[in-house]
Amino acid sequence: MQINNNKSVCIILNGKINNYANIKERIIKENYDYVICSDGGANHSYNMGIIPDYIVGDLDSINKNITEFYKNKNVYFKKFPSKKNETDAELSILLAKNLGAYKIDLIGALGGRIDHQMANINLLYYIKSLDIFPKIITEDETIYIVDNEELKIKNNKGKLVSIIPIKNDAIGVSLFGFEYNLDNFDINFSSPIGISNIITEDICSIKVKEGCLLVFVNNSI
């Protein structure tokens, strides 16, 4: 059976969420086709009053009362052994792919241990490799990845933006619609030149000919 890749999916991870009201509003606004909780992410969804479609993982981080609550709500649990090759987040992403995701938004990906944060940011590249459009959403920022392509961002005029090369140097970077535009500029892997730009147009463009960029859009400004 062929899967139509036309579903929008939210995956709630077990990182920090400080403002439940803000994140819940964003989840409701997006009107996702599926909400998946990655193990302890179910604690967050419970605190936001959100009923997920799936809860995935070894289920060692979910409060017992929350497990029972969601079982009574007929939420589908996919339980895996604690000793496994994939992380709970990876298993959630693979489920989203099988559900026909064309985009995946990660929530609760940051906060806590720095190694977990870095690993979760790297999930953007992993999701991208599956031909799915990814981003990380927090109360303060939205994080995109641009890999040998062009990204257009709409309706964020006045927002602060930083772009950071990952893996290698970013070759042929062009920025349009910013206070500081670039035209076919090479950014060294270790260079902080892309920090703290400002969007000046209703539609801005970030393009890289060869290389990979993380794009941080500050939502709080």
N, C-alpha and C. Protein backbone atom coordinates (compact mmCIF):
# COMPACT_ATOMS: atom_id res chain seq x y z
N MET A 1 0.84 -1.19 0.00
CA MET A 1 0.00 0.00 0.00
C MET A 1 0.88 1.25 0.00
N GLN A 2 0.63 2.16 -0.89
CA GLN A 2 1.41 3.39 -0.99
C GLN A 2 0.91 4.41 0.02
N ILE A 3 1.85 5.03 0.74
CA ILE A 3 1.50 6.03 1.74
C ILE A 3 1.59 7.42 1.11
N ASN A 4 0.55 8.22 1.28
CA ASN A 4 0.58 9.60 0.81
C ASN A 4 1.26 10.46 1.87
N ASN A 5 2.35 11.10 1.46
CA ASN A 5 3.09 11.92 2.40
C ASN A 5 2.48 13.32 2.46
N ASN A 6 1.36 13.42 3.16
CA ASN A 6 0.66 14.71 3.24
C ASN A 6 0.20 15.02 4.65
N LYS A 7 0.81 14.36 5.64
CA LYS A 7 0.39 14.54 7.02
C LYS A 7 1.37 15.43 7.78
N SER A 8 0.82 16.30 8.60
CA SER A 8 1.65 17.11 9.49
C SER A 8 1.67 16.45 10.87
N VAL A 9 2.86 16.33 11.43
CA VAL A 9 3.03 15.58 12.67
C VAL A 9 3.80 16.41 13.69
N CYS A 10 3.31 16.39 14.91
CA CYS A 10 4.01 16.99 16.05
C CYS A 10 4.53 15.87 16.93
N ILE A 11 5.81 15.93 17.29
CA ILE A 11 6.39 14.98 18.23
C ILE A 11 6.81 15.73 19.48
N ILE A 12 6.26 15.34 20.61
CA ILE A 12 6.58 15.98 21.89
C ILE A 12 7.62 15.14 22.60
N LEU A 13 8.79 15.73 22.83
CA LEU A 13 9.89 15.05 23.50
C LEU A 13 9.90 15.39 24.99
N ASN A 14 10.90 14.87 25.69
CA ASN A 14 10.93 14.97 27.15
C ASN A 14 11.87 16.07 27.65
N GLY A 15 12.16 17.07 26.79
CA GLY A 15 12.97 18.19 27.24
C GLY A 15 12.15 19.15 28.08
N LYS A 16 12.67 20.36 28.27
CA LYS A 16 11.98 21.33 29.11
C LYS A 16 10.94 22.12 28.32
N ILE A 17 9.78 22.31 28.92
CA ILE A 17 8.78 23.24 28.43
C ILE A 17 8.39 24.11 29.61
N ASN A 18 8.69 25.39 29.53
CA ASN A 18 8.45 26.29 30.65
C ASN A 18 7.09 26.97 30.60
N ASN A 19 6.55 27.13 29.41
CA ASN A 19 5.30 27.86 29.24
C ASN A 19 4.31 26.97 28.50
N TYR A 20 3.56 26.18 29.25
CA TYR A 20 2.63 25.23 28.63
C TYR A 20 1.56 25.94 27.82
N ALA A 21 1.07 27.08 28.31
CA ALA A 21 0.01 27.79 27.60
C ALA A 21 0.47 28.22 26.21
N ASN A 22 1.72 28.70 26.12
CA ASN A 22 2.27 29.14 24.84
C ASN A 22 2.39 27.99 23.86
N ILE A 23 2.94 26.88 24.32
CA ILE A 23 3.15 25.73 23.44
C ILE A 23 1.82 25.10 23.05
N LYS A 24 0.88 24.99 23.99
CA LYS A 24 -0.42 24.43 23.66
C LYS A 24 -1.12 25.25 22.58
N GLU A 25 -1.01 26.57 22.69
CA GLU A 25 -1.62 27.45 21.69
C GLU A 25 -1.02 27.19 20.31
N ARG A 26 0.28 26.98 20.26
CA ARG A 26 0.94 26.73 18.97
C ARG A 26 0.53 25.38 18.40
N ILE A 27 0.40 24.38 19.27
CA ILE A 27 -0.02 23.06 18.80
C ILE A 27 -1.44 23.12 18.24
N ILE A 28 -2.33 23.80 18.94
CA ILE A 28 -3.72 23.91 18.48
C ILE A 28 -3.78 24.69 17.17
N LYS A 29 -3.00 25.74 17.07
CA LYS A 29 -3.00 26.56 15.86
C LYS A 29 -2.54 25.78 14.65
N GLU A 30 -1.55 24.90 14.83
CA GLU A 30 -1.02 24.11 13.70
C GLU A 30 -2.00 23.05 13.22
N ASN A 31 -2.90 22.59 14.12
CA ASN A 31 -3.91 21.60 13.74
C ASN A 31 -3.26 20.38 13.08
N TYR A 32 -2.35 19.75 13.79
CA TYR A 32 -1.60 18.61 13.26
C TYR A 32 -2.53 17.43 12.96
N ASP A 33 -2.13 16.63 11.98
CA ASP A 33 -2.86 15.40 11.71
C ASP A 33 -2.60 14.36 12.79
N TYR A 34 -1.37 14.34 13.32
CA TYR A 34 -1.03 13.40 14.38
C TYR A 34 -0.16 14.10 15.42
N VAL A 35 -0.39 13.77 16.69
CA VAL A 35 0.49 14.16 17.78
C VAL A 35 1.06 12.89 18.39
N ILE A 36 2.39 12.81 18.42
CA ILE A 36 3.08 11.65 18.97
C ILE A 36 3.89 12.10 20.18
N CYS A 37 3.78 11.38 21.27
CA CYS A 37 4.61 11.65 22.44
C CYS A 37 5.74 10.64 22.50
N SER A 38 6.94 11.13 22.60
CA SER A 38 8.10 10.27 22.76
C SER A 38 8.33 10.05 24.25
N ASP A 39 7.89 8.91 24.73
CA ASP A 39 8.04 8.51 26.14
C ASP A 39 7.61 9.63 27.09
N GLY A 40 8.55 10.23 27.83
CA GLY A 40 8.22 11.23 28.84
C GLY A 40 7.58 12.48 28.29
N GLY A 41 7.57 12.64 26.97
CA GLY A 41 6.83 13.75 26.38
C GLY A 41 5.35 13.69 26.72
N ALA A 42 4.89 12.49 27.09
CA ALA A 42 3.48 12.33 27.48
C ALA A 42 3.17 13.11 28.75
N ASN A 43 4.17 13.30 29.62
CA ASN A 43 3.94 14.12 30.81
C ASN A 43 3.63 15.56 30.41
N HIS A 44 4.33 16.04 29.38
CA HIS A 44 4.07 17.39 28.90
C HIS A 44 2.68 17.50 28.27
N SER A 45 2.33 16.54 27.43
CA SER A 45 1.02 16.62 26.77
C SER A 45 -0.10 16.58 27.81
N TYR A 46 0.09 15.78 28.85
CA TYR A 46 -0.90 15.71 29.93
C TYR A 46 -1.05 17.06 30.61
N ASN A 47 0.07 17.70 30.90
CA ASN A 47 0.04 19.01 31.57
C ASN A 47 -0.57 20.10 30.69
N MET A 48 -0.57 19.87 29.38
CA MET A 48 -1.18 20.83 28.45
C MET A 48 -2.63 20.48 28.13
N GLY A 49 -3.09 19.33 28.63
CA GLY A 49 -4.46 18.92 28.33
C GLY A 49 -4.64 18.47 26.89
N ILE A 50 -3.60 17.87 26.32
CA ILE A 50 -3.63 17.41 24.93
C ILE A 50 -3.67 15.88 24.91
N ILE A 51 -4.56 15.33 24.11
CA ILE A 51 -4.64 13.87 23.94
C ILE A 51 -3.86 13.48 22.69
N PRO A 52 -2.71 12.82 22.84
CA PRO A 52 -1.93 12.43 21.66
C PRO A 52 -2.56 11.24 20.95
N ASP A 53 -2.11 11.01 19.74
CA ASP A 53 -2.56 9.84 19.00
C ASP A 53 -1.74 8.60 19.36
N TYR A 54 -0.44 8.82 19.63
CA TYR A 54 0.47 7.71 19.95
C TYR A 54 1.40 8.13 21.08
N ILE A 55 1.80 7.15 21.89
CA ILE A 55 2.89 7.31 22.84
C ILE A 55 3.89 6.20 22.55
N VAL A 56 5.17 6.58 22.33
CA VAL A 56 6.17 5.66 21.79
C VAL A 56 7.40 5.63 22.71
N GLY A 57 7.96 4.45 22.89
CA GLY A 57 9.22 4.33 23.61
C GLY A 57 9.21 3.19 24.60
N ASP A 58 10.24 3.18 25.47
CA ASP A 58 10.27 2.13 26.50
C ASP A 58 9.37 2.47 27.68
N LEU A 59 8.82 3.67 27.68
CA LEU A 59 7.78 4.10 28.63
C LEU A 59 8.26 4.11 30.08
N ASP A 60 9.57 4.38 30.26
CA ASP A 60 10.11 4.41 31.62
C ASP A 60 10.09 5.80 32.24
N SER A 61 9.69 6.81 31.46
CA SER A 61 9.73 8.18 31.94
C SER A 61 8.34 8.79 32.15
N ILE A 62 7.29 8.00 31.93
CA ILE A 62 5.93 8.50 32.07
C ILE A 62 5.41 8.22 33.47
N ASN A 63 4.80 9.21 34.08
CA ASN A 63 4.18 9.00 35.38
C ASN A 63 3.06 7.95 35.25
N LYS A 64 2.96 7.06 36.23
CA LYS A 64 2.02 5.95 36.12
C LYS A 64 0.57 6.42 35.99
N ASN A 65 0.22 7.46 36.72
CA ASN A 65 -1.17 7.95 36.63
C ASN A 65 -1.48 8.49 35.24
N ILE A 66 -0.44 9.04 34.58
CA ILE A 66 -0.64 9.56 33.22
C ILE A 66 -0.79 8.41 32.24
N THR A 67 -0.02 7.35 32.44
CA THR A 67 -0.17 6.16 31.59
C THR A 67 -1.60 5.63 31.67
N GLU A 68 -2.12 5.50 32.87
CA GLU A 68 -3.48 4.99 33.04
C GLU A 68 -4.51 5.94 32.43
N PHE A 69 -4.29 7.24 32.60
CA PHE A 69 -5.21 8.23 32.04
C PHE A 69 -5.31 8.08 30.53
N TYR A 70 -4.15 7.97 29.86
CA TYR A 70 -4.15 7.89 28.40
C TYR A 70 -4.65 6.53 27.90
N LYS A 71 -4.43 5.48 28.67
CA LYS A 71 -4.99 4.19 28.28
C LYS A 71 -6.52 4.26 28.30
N ASN A 72 -7.06 4.95 29.30
CA ASN A 72 -8.52 5.11 29.37
C ASN A 72 -9.06 6.00 28.25
N LYS A 73 -8.17 6.81 27.67
CA LYS A 73 -8.56 7.66 26.53
C LYS A 73 -8.32 6.97 25.19
N ASN A 74 -7.93 5.70 25.25
CA ASN A 74 -7.68 4.88 24.05
C ASN A 74 -6.54 5.42 23.19
N VAL A 75 -5.57 6.04 23.84
CA VAL A 75 -4.35 6.43 23.12
C VAL A 75 -3.57 5.16 22.79
N TYR A 76 -2.99 5.12 21.60
CA TYR A 76 -2.26 3.93 21.15
C TYR A 76 -0.83 3.96 21.67
N PHE A 77 -0.45 2.95 22.45
CA PHE A 77 0.90 2.84 23.00
C PHE A 77 1.73 1.89 22.13
N LYS A 78 2.95 2.32 21.79
CA LYS A 78 3.90 1.44 21.10
C LYS A 78 5.12 1.30 22.02
N LYS A 79 5.17 0.17 22.74
CA LYS A 79 6.21 -0.04 23.74
C LYS A 79 7.37 -0.83 23.15
N PHE A 80 8.59 -0.38 23.48
CA PHE A 80 9.82 -1.01 23.00
C PHE A 80 10.70 -1.37 24.20
N PRO A 81 11.61 -2.33 24.03
CA PRO A 81 12.54 -2.66 25.12
C PRO A 81 13.43 -1.47 25.47
N SER A 82 13.88 -1.42 26.71
CA SER A 82 14.76 -0.32 27.12
C SER A 82 16.13 -0.42 26.43
N LYS A 83 16.57 -1.65 26.13
CA LYS A 83 17.83 -1.84 25.41
C LYS A 83 17.51 -2.00 23.93
N LYS A 84 17.80 -0.96 23.17
CA LYS A 84 17.47 -0.94 21.75
C LYS A 84 18.45 -0.04 21.03
N ASN A 85 18.52 -0.17 19.71
CA ASN A 85 19.46 0.63 18.93
C ASN A 85 18.98 2.07 18.74
N GLU A 86 17.67 2.26 18.63
CA GLU A 86 17.12 3.59 18.37
C GLU A 86 16.72 4.27 19.68
N THR A 87 16.82 5.59 19.70
CA THR A 87 16.27 6.34 20.83
C THR A 87 14.75 6.42 20.68
N ASP A 88 14.08 6.80 21.75
CA ASP A 88 12.63 6.96 21.69
C ASP A 88 12.25 8.02 20.65
N ALA A 89 13.07 9.06 20.54
CA ALA A 89 12.80 10.11 19.56
C ALA A 89 12.89 9.56 18.14
N GLU A 90 13.91 8.74 17.86
CA GLU A 90 14.04 8.14 16.54
C GLU A 90 12.85 7.25 16.21
N LEU A 91 12.41 6.47 17.19
CA LEU A 91 11.25 5.59 16.97
C LEU A 91 10.00 6.41 16.66
N SER A 92 9.88 7.55 17.31
CA SER A 92 8.73 8.42 17.05
C SER A 92 8.80 9.00 15.64
N ILE A 93 10.00 9.35 15.21
CA ILE A 93 10.17 9.89 13.87
C ILE A 93 9.84 8.83 12.81
N LEU A 94 10.31 7.61 13.04
CA LEU A 94 10.01 6.53 12.09
C LEU A 94 8.52 6.24 12.03
N LEU A 95 7.84 6.32 13.16
CA LEU A 95 6.39 6.17 13.16
C LEU A 95 5.74 7.28 12.34
N ALA A 96 6.20 8.51 12.53
CA ALA A 96 5.66 9.64 11.76
C ALA A 96 5.85 9.43 10.26
N LYS A 97 7.02 8.92 9.89
CA LYS A 97 7.27 8.63 8.48
C LYS A 97 6.27 7.60 7.96
N ASN A 98 6.05 6.55 8.74
CA ASN A 98 5.12 5.50 8.32
C ASN A 98 3.68 5.99 8.25
N LEU A 99 3.39 7.04 9.01
CA LEU A 99 2.05 7.63 8.97
C LEU A 99 1.87 8.57 7.79
N GLY A 100 2.96 8.81 7.04
CA GLY A 100 2.87 9.67 5.86
C GLY A 100 3.19 11.12 6.12
N ALA A 101 4.12 11.39 7.04
CA ALA A 101 4.47 12.77 7.38
C ALA A 101 5.21 13.45 6.24
N TYR A 102 4.81 14.68 5.92
CA TYR A 102 5.60 15.52 5.04
C TYR A 102 6.34 16.58 5.84
N LYS A 103 5.89 16.82 7.09
CA LYS A 103 6.61 17.71 7.99
C LYS A 103 6.48 17.20 9.41
N ILE A 104 7.55 17.42 10.19
CA ILE A 104 7.57 17.03 11.59
C ILE A 104 8.06 18.21 12.41
N ASP A 105 7.27 18.61 13.40
CA ASP A 105 7.68 19.64 14.35
C ASP A 105 8.03 18.97 15.66
N LEU A 106 9.23 19.25 16.16
CA LEU A 106 9.68 18.70 17.44
C LEU A 106 9.45 19.73 18.54
N ILE A 107 8.79 19.31 19.60
CA ILE A 107 8.52 20.17 20.76
C ILE A 107 9.10 19.50 21.99
N GLY A 108 9.65 20.29 22.90
CA GLY A 108 10.31 19.71 24.07
C GLY A 108 11.65 19.10 23.72
N ALA A 109 12.30 19.63 22.70
CA ALA A 109 13.57 19.07 22.23
C ALA A 109 14.77 19.66 22.96
N LEU A 110 14.59 20.83 23.59
CA LEU A 110 15.72 21.52 24.21
C LEU A 110 15.55 21.58 25.72
N GLY A 111 16.57 22.08 26.40
CA GLY A 111 16.55 22.13 27.85
C GLY A 111 17.15 20.87 28.44
N GLY A 112 17.63 20.97 29.66
CA GLY A 112 18.21 19.79 30.30
C GLY A 112 19.64 19.56 29.85
N ARG A 113 20.04 18.30 29.73
CA ARG A 113 21.42 17.95 29.43
C ARG A 113 21.83 18.43 28.04
N ILE A 114 23.04 18.97 27.96
CA ILE A 114 23.53 19.54 26.71
C ILE A 114 23.68 18.46 25.64
N ASP A 115 24.06 17.22 26.03
CA ASP A 115 24.21 16.16 25.03
C ASP A 115 22.86 15.81 24.42
N HIS A 116 21.82 15.80 25.24
CA HIS A 116 20.48 15.54 24.71
C HIS A 116 20.05 16.65 23.75
N GLN A 117 20.34 17.89 24.11
CA GLN A 117 19.96 19.01 23.25
C GLN A 117 20.67 18.92 21.90
N MET A 118 21.97 18.64 21.92
CA MET A 118 22.71 18.54 20.67
C MET A 118 22.21 17.38 19.82
N ALA A 119 21.93 16.26 20.48
CA ALA A 119 21.41 15.10 19.74
C ALA A 119 20.06 15.42 19.12
N ASN A 120 19.21 16.13 19.85
CA ASN A 120 17.88 16.46 19.32
C ASN A 120 17.96 17.47 18.19
N ILE A 121 18.90 18.42 18.27
CA ILE A 121 19.09 19.35 17.16
C ILE A 121 19.55 18.60 15.92
N ASN A 122 20.42 17.61 16.13
CA ASN A 122 20.89 16.79 15.00
C ASN A 122 19.77 15.97 14.38
N LEU A 123 18.68 15.76 15.12
CA LEU A 123 17.54 15.04 14.55
C LEU A 123 16.94 15.79 13.37
N LEU A 124 17.15 17.10 13.32
CA LEU A 124 16.67 17.86 12.15
C LEU A 124 17.30 17.32 10.88
N TYR A 125 18.59 17.03 10.94
CA TYR A 125 19.28 16.48 9.77
C TYR A 125 18.78 15.08 9.45
N TYR A 126 18.54 14.30 10.49
CA TYR A 126 18.02 12.94 10.30
C TYR A 126 16.65 12.97 9.64
N ILE A 127 15.77 13.83 10.14
CA ILE A 127 14.43 13.94 9.54
C ILE A 127 14.52 14.42 8.10
N LYS A 128 15.41 15.37 7.86
CA LYS A 128 15.61 15.88 6.50
C LYS A 128 16.05 14.77 5.55
N SER A 129 16.88 13.85 6.07
CA SER A 129 17.37 12.74 5.24
C SER A 129 16.24 11.79 4.85
N LEU A 130 15.12 11.85 5.56
CA LEU A 130 13.96 11.03 5.24
C LEU A 130 13.00 11.74 4.29
N ASP A 131 13.45 12.88 3.74
CA ASP A 131 12.64 13.70 2.84
C ASP A 131 11.40 14.25 3.53
N ILE A 132 11.56 14.62 4.79
CA ILE A 132 10.50 15.24 5.58
C ILE A 132 11.01 16.59 6.06
N PHE A 133 10.14 17.61 6.03
CA PHE A 133 10.52 18.96 6.45
C PHE A 133 10.46 19.07 7.97
N PRO A 134 11.60 19.36 8.63
CA PRO A 134 11.61 19.40 10.10
C PRO A 134 11.79 20.81 10.66
N LYS A 135 11.31 20.98 11.88
CA LYS A 135 11.72 22.15 12.65
C LYS A 135 11.52 21.86 14.13
N ILE A 136 12.25 22.61 14.96
CA ILE A 136 12.12 22.54 16.41
C ILE A 136 11.40 23.80 16.86
N ILE A 137 10.41 23.63 17.72
CA ILE A 137 9.65 24.76 18.24
C ILE A 137 9.82 24.83 19.74
N THR A 138 10.21 26.00 20.25
CA THR A 138 10.22 26.27 21.69
C THR A 138 9.41 27.53 21.94
N GLU A 139 9.29 27.90 23.21
CA GLU A 139 8.60 29.15 23.52
C GLU A 139 9.31 30.35 22.92
N ASP A 140 10.63 30.25 22.80
CA ASP A 140 11.45 31.40 22.42
C ASP A 140 11.92 31.40 20.97
N GLU A 141 11.97 30.25 20.33
CA GLU A 141 12.56 30.20 19.01
C GLU A 141 12.03 29.05 18.18
N THR A 142 12.23 29.19 16.87
CA THR A 142 11.99 28.11 15.93
C THR A 142 13.30 27.83 15.20
N ILE A 143 13.65 26.54 15.10
CA ILE A 143 14.92 26.17 14.50
C ILE A 143 14.65 25.36 13.23
N TYR A 144 15.24 25.81 12.12
CA TYR A 144 15.13 25.14 10.83
C TYR A 144 16.50 24.61 10.42
N ILE A 145 16.51 23.78 9.39
CA ILE A 145 17.75 23.33 8.78
C ILE A 145 17.66 23.56 7.27
N VAL A 146 18.75 24.06 6.70
CA VAL A 146 18.81 24.32 5.26
C VAL A 146 20.00 23.54 4.71
N ASP A 147 19.74 22.61 3.81
CA ASP A 147 20.77 21.70 3.32
C ASP A 147 20.82 21.73 1.79
N ASN A 148 21.80 22.45 1.24
CA ASN A 148 21.95 22.56 -0.22
C ASN A 148 20.65 23.02 -0.89
N GLU A 149 20.03 24.05 -0.34
CA GLU A 149 18.71 24.45 -0.84
C GLU A 149 18.39 25.87 -0.39
N GLU A 150 17.15 26.27 -0.65
CA GLU A 150 16.66 27.59 -0.25
C GLU A 150 15.48 27.43 0.69
N LEU A 151 15.48 28.23 1.76
CA LEU A 151 14.38 28.26 2.71
C LEU A 151 13.78 29.67 2.69
N LYS A 152 12.46 29.74 2.54
CA LYS A 152 11.76 31.02 2.64
C LYS A 152 10.94 31.05 3.92
N ILE A 153 11.04 32.14 4.64
CA ILE A 153 10.32 32.31 5.91
C ILE A 153 9.39 33.50 5.76
N LYS A 154 8.13 33.29 6.10
CA LYS A 154 7.11 34.33 5.92
C LYS A 154 6.64 34.87 7.26
N ASN A 155 6.20 36.13 7.23
CA ASN A 155 5.50 36.75 8.35
C ASN A 155 6.30 36.77 9.65
N ASN A 156 7.59 37.05 9.53
CA ASN A 156 8.45 37.16 10.72
C ASN A 156 9.25 38.46 10.71
N LYS A 157 8.71 39.48 10.07
CA LYS A 157 9.40 40.76 9.98
C LYS A 157 9.71 41.30 11.37
N GLY A 158 10.97 41.73 11.55
CA GLY A 158 11.42 42.28 12.82
C GLY A 158 12.02 41.25 13.75
N LYS A 159 11.93 39.97 13.40
CA LYS A 159 12.47 38.92 14.27
C LYS A 159 13.99 38.79 14.10
N LEU A 160 14.61 38.38 15.19
CA LEU A 160 16.05 38.15 15.21
C LEU A 160 16.35 36.76 14.67
N VAL A 161 17.35 36.65 13.79
CA VAL A 161 17.69 35.38 13.16
C VAL A 161 19.19 35.15 13.23
N SER A 162 19.58 33.91 13.52
CA SER A 162 20.99 33.52 13.45
C SER A 162 21.11 32.30 12.55
N ILE A 163 22.16 32.27 11.75
CA ILE A 163 22.44 31.10 10.92
C ILE A 163 23.83 30.56 11.28
N ILE A 164 23.90 29.23 11.46
CA ILE A 164 25.14 28.61 11.91
C ILE A 164 25.44 27.40 11.02
N PRO A 165 26.62 27.36 10.38
CA PRO A 165 26.98 26.19 9.59
C PRO A 165 27.17 24.96 10.48
N ILE A 166 26.76 23.80 9.98
CA ILE A 166 27.03 22.55 10.67
C ILE A 166 27.69 21.60 9.68
N LYS A 167 28.43 20.67 10.18
CA LYS A 167 29.18 19.67 9.43
C LYS A 167 30.42 20.25 8.79
N ASN A 168 30.25 21.21 7.85
CA ASN A 168 31.38 21.76 7.11
C ASN A 168 31.13 23.23 6.82
N ASP A 169 32.05 23.84 6.05
CA ASP A 169 31.82 25.21 5.60
C ASP A 169 30.55 25.27 4.75
N ALA A 170 29.87 26.41 4.80
CA ALA A 170 28.68 26.63 3.97
C ALA A 170 29.09 27.49 2.78
N ILE A 171 28.96 26.95 1.57
CA ILE A 171 29.44 27.60 0.36
C ILE A 171 28.28 28.26 -0.38
N GLY A 172 28.48 29.50 -0.78
CA GLY A 172 27.49 30.20 -1.59
C GLY A 172 26.22 30.52 -0.83
N VAL A 173 26.36 31.14 0.34
CA VAL A 173 25.20 31.52 1.15
C VAL A 173 24.66 32.88 0.68
N SER A 174 23.36 32.92 0.44
CA SER A 174 22.69 34.17 0.06
C SER A 174 21.53 34.43 1.00
N LEU A 175 21.48 35.65 1.52
CA LEU A 175 20.40 36.09 2.40
C LEU A 175 19.72 37.30 1.77
N PHE A 176 18.41 37.24 1.67
CA PHE A 176 17.64 38.36 1.15
C PHE A 176 16.44 38.63 2.06
N GLY A 177 16.18 39.92 2.30
CA GLY A 177 15.10 40.30 3.20
C GLY A 177 15.56 40.48 4.63
N PHE A 178 16.87 40.73 4.80
CA PHE A 178 17.46 40.91 6.12
C PHE A 178 18.13 42.29 6.24
N GLU A 179 18.40 42.68 7.46
CA GLU A 179 19.16 43.92 7.66
C GLU A 179 20.55 43.79 7.04
N TYR A 180 21.14 42.60 7.18
CA TYR A 180 22.44 42.33 6.57
C TYR A 180 22.27 41.19 5.57
N ASN A 181 22.18 41.53 4.30
CA ASN A 181 22.02 40.54 3.24
C ASN A 181 23.39 39.99 2.83
N LEU A 182 23.37 38.84 2.23
CA LEU A 182 24.59 38.23 1.68
C LEU A 182 24.28 37.75 0.27
N ASP A 183 25.30 37.76 -0.58
CA ASP A 183 25.14 37.28 -1.95
C ASP A 183 26.29 36.33 -2.28
N ASN A 184 25.97 35.04 -2.29
CA ASN A 184 26.95 34.02 -2.67
C ASN A 184 28.20 34.09 -1.80
N PHE A 185 27.99 34.12 -0.50
CA PHE A 185 29.06 34.30 0.48
C PHE A 185 29.40 32.96 1.12
N ASP A 186 30.70 32.69 1.30
CA ASP A 186 31.14 31.45 1.95
C ASP A 186 31.33 31.69 3.44
N ILE A 187 30.70 30.84 4.27
CA ILE A 187 30.82 30.97 5.71
C ILE A 187 31.60 29.78 6.26
N ASN A 188 32.71 30.08 6.92
CA ASN A 188 33.52 29.01 7.51
C ASN A 188 32.74 28.33 8.63
N PHE A 189 33.02 27.04 8.80
CA PHE A 189 32.32 26.24 9.81
C PHE A 189 32.39 26.87 11.20
N SER A 190 33.53 27.48 11.54
CA SER A 190 33.75 28.02 12.89
C SER A 190 33.40 29.50 13.00
N SER A 191 32.89 30.10 11.92
CA SER A 191 32.67 31.55 11.93
C SER A 191 31.32 31.90 12.56
N PRO A 192 31.29 32.94 13.43
CA PRO A 192 30.03 33.40 14.02
C PRO A 192 29.38 34.54 13.24
N ILE A 193 29.74 34.71 11.98
CA ILE A 193 29.28 35.87 11.22
C ILE A 193 27.76 35.90 11.04
N GLY A 194 27.12 34.75 11.13
CA GLY A 194 25.68 34.70 10.89
C GLY A 194 24.81 34.97 12.11
N ILE A 195 25.43 35.35 13.23
CA ILE A 195 24.67 35.56 14.46
C ILE A 195 23.95 36.91 14.44
N SER A 196 22.70 36.92 14.93
CA SER A 196 21.94 38.13 15.26
C SER A 196 21.71 39.05 14.07
N ASN A 197 21.10 38.50 13.02
CA ASN A 197 20.60 39.31 11.91
C ASN A 197 19.13 39.63 12.20
N ILE A 198 18.52 40.50 11.39
CA ILE A 198 17.13 40.89 11.61
C ILE A 198 16.37 40.80 10.29
N ILE A 199 15.19 40.18 10.31
CA ILE A 199 14.34 40.09 9.14
C ILE A 199 13.69 41.45 8.90
N THR A 200 13.79 41.95 7.68
CA THR A 200 13.23 43.27 7.35
C THR A 200 12.08 43.22 6.36
N GLU A 201 11.79 42.03 5.83
CA GLU A 201 10.72 41.89 4.84
C GLU A 201 9.71 40.83 5.28
N ASP A 202 8.53 40.88 4.69
CA ASP A 202 7.49 39.90 5.03
C ASP A 202 7.89 38.49 4.60
N ILE A 203 8.69 38.39 3.54
CA ILE A 203 9.22 37.11 3.10
C ILE A 203 10.73 37.25 2.98
N CYS A 204 11.48 36.41 3.69
CA CYS A 204 12.93 36.44 3.57
C CYS A 204 13.41 35.09 3.04
N SER A 205 14.62 35.08 2.50
CA SER A 205 15.15 33.89 1.85
C SER A 205 16.55 33.59 2.37
N ILE A 206 16.78 32.30 2.66
CA ILE A 206 18.10 31.82 3.08
C ILE A 206 18.48 30.68 2.13
N LYS A 207 19.57 30.86 1.41
CA LYS A 207 19.96 29.88 0.40
C LYS A 207 21.41 29.49 0.59
N VAL A 208 21.70 28.20 0.47
CA VAL A 208 23.08 27.73 0.51
C VAL A 208 23.27 26.76 -0.65
N LYS A 209 24.31 27.03 -1.46
CA LYS A 209 24.57 26.18 -2.62
C LYS A 209 25.14 24.84 -2.23
N GLU A 210 26.05 24.87 -1.25
CA GLU A 210 26.71 23.63 -0.83
C GLU A 210 26.99 23.72 0.66
N GLY A 211 26.33 22.88 1.42
CA GLY A 211 26.53 22.90 2.86
C GLY A 211 25.21 22.88 3.60
N CYS A 212 25.32 22.98 4.91
CA CYS A 212 24.15 22.82 5.77
C CYS A 212 24.17 23.91 6.84
N LEU A 213 23.03 24.55 7.03
CA LEU A 213 22.89 25.62 8.01
C LEU A 213 21.77 25.32 8.98
N LEU A 214 22.00 25.67 10.25
CA LEU A 214 20.91 25.76 11.20
C LEU A 214 20.43 27.21 11.22
N VAL A 215 19.13 27.38 11.23
CA VAL A 215 18.53 28.73 11.23
C VAL A 215 17.69 28.88 12.49
N PHE A 216 18.03 29.85 13.31
CA PHE A 216 17.34 30.11 14.58
C PHE A 216 16.53 31.40 14.45
N VAL A 217 15.22 31.31 14.54
CA VAL A 217 14.35 32.48 14.50
C VAL A 217 13.81 32.73 15.90
N ASN A 218 14.10 33.90 16.45
CA ASN A 218 13.68 34.22 17.80
C ASN A 218 12.21 34.63 17.80
N ASN A 219 11.37 33.86 18.50
CA ASN A 219 9.93 34.13 18.52
C ASN A 219 9.53 35.20 19.53
N SER A 220 10.43 35.52 20.46
CA SER A 220 10.05 36.38 21.58
C SER A 220 10.22 37.86 21.28
N ILE A 221 10.77 38.18 20.11
CA ILE A 221 11.01 39.59 19.76
C ILE A 221 9.92 40.09 18.84
